Protein backbone atom coordinates (compact mmCIF):
# COMPACT_ATOMS: atom_id res chain seq x y z
CA UNK A 1 0.00 0.00 0.00
CA UNK A 2 1.35 3.42 -0.85
CA UNK A 3 0.46 6.69 0.81
CA UNK A 4 -1.26 9.40 -1.17
CA UNK A 5 1.26 11.91 -2.45
CA UNK A 6 -0.31 14.64 -0.28
CA UNK A 7 0.49 12.66 2.87
CA UNK A 8 4.05 12.01 1.73
CA UNK A 9 4.59 15.70 1.02
CA UNK A 10 3.09 16.75 4.36
CA UNK A 11 5.49 14.36 6.11
CA UNK A 12 8.46 15.71 4.12
CA UNK A 13 7.46 19.30 4.96
CA UNK A 14 7.26 18.48 8.67
CA UNK A 15 10.67 16.76 8.67
CA UNK A 16 12.37 19.61 6.80
CA UNK A 17 10.83 22.19 9.16
CA UNK A 18 12.11 20.20 12.16
CA UNK A 19 15.62 20.14 10.69
CA UNK A 20 15.48 23.89 10.16
CA UNK A 21 14.71 24.40 13.85
CA UNK A 22 17.11 21.79 15.23
CA UNK A 23 20.16 23.09 17.09
CA UNK A 24 23.42 21.91 15.60
CA UNK A 25 22.29 21.86 11.97
CA UNK A 26 25.09 23.61 10.06
CA UNK A 27 24.24 27.08 8.77
CA UNK A 28 25.29 26.13 5.25
CA UNK A 29 22.61 23.43 5.27
CA UNK A 30 19.85 25.98 5.88
CA UNK A 31 19.89 27.25 2.29
CA UNK A 32 19.47 23.73 0.91
CA UNK A 33 16.75 22.93 3.46
CA UNK A 34 14.87 26.11 2.55
CA UNK A 35 15.12 25.16 -1.13
CA UNK A 36 13.81 21.67 -0.38
CA UNK A 37 10.95 23.15 1.68
CA UNK A 38 10.03 25.53 -1.15
CA UNK A 39 9.99 22.63 -3.64
CA UNK A 40 7.76 20.53 -1.37
CA UNK A 41 5.34 23.43 -0.83
CA UNK A 42 5.25 24.12 -4.57
CA UNK A 43 4.38 20.49 -5.26
CA UNK A 44 1.74 20.50 -2.50
CA UNK A 45 0.14 23.59 -4.04
CA UNK A 46 0.08 21.87 -7.43
CA UNK A 47 -1.82 18.82 -6.24
CA UNK A 48 -5.51 18.53 -7.07
CA UNK A 49 -7.86 18.90 -4.09
CA UNK A 50 -8.43 15.68 -2.19
CA UNK A 51 -11.81 14.97 -0.63
CA UNK A 52 -10.78 12.26 1.85
CA UNK A 53 -7.39 13.03 3.30
CA UNK A 54 -5.62 11.86 6.46
CA UNK A 55 -5.76 14.73 8.99
CA UNK A 56 -2.66 16.32 10.53
CA UNK A 57 -0.49 14.05 12.68
CA UNK A 58 -1.97 10.89 11.18
CA UNK A 59 -5.16 10.88 13.25
CA UNK A 60 -7.93 8.96 11.63
CA UNK A 61 -11.53 10.07 11.55
CA UNK A 62 -14.63 8.04 10.90
CA UNK A 63 -16.12 8.40 7.46
CA UNK A 64 -19.54 9.93 7.05
CA UNK A 65 -20.90 6.96 5.12
């Protein structure tokens, strides 16, 4: 089973943001991390709207069916 691309991108965004705010990450890495974050956000904005998506932090909700 593969995750929807929107979930993968949300996870990537969260990980990159954590790295950006982690003490000890070299300053020269920040530029690359910011570039990666921009690319992930751009791809997220380009995705078609999804009607049934996993909420933030992987919490599941009951369907309305």
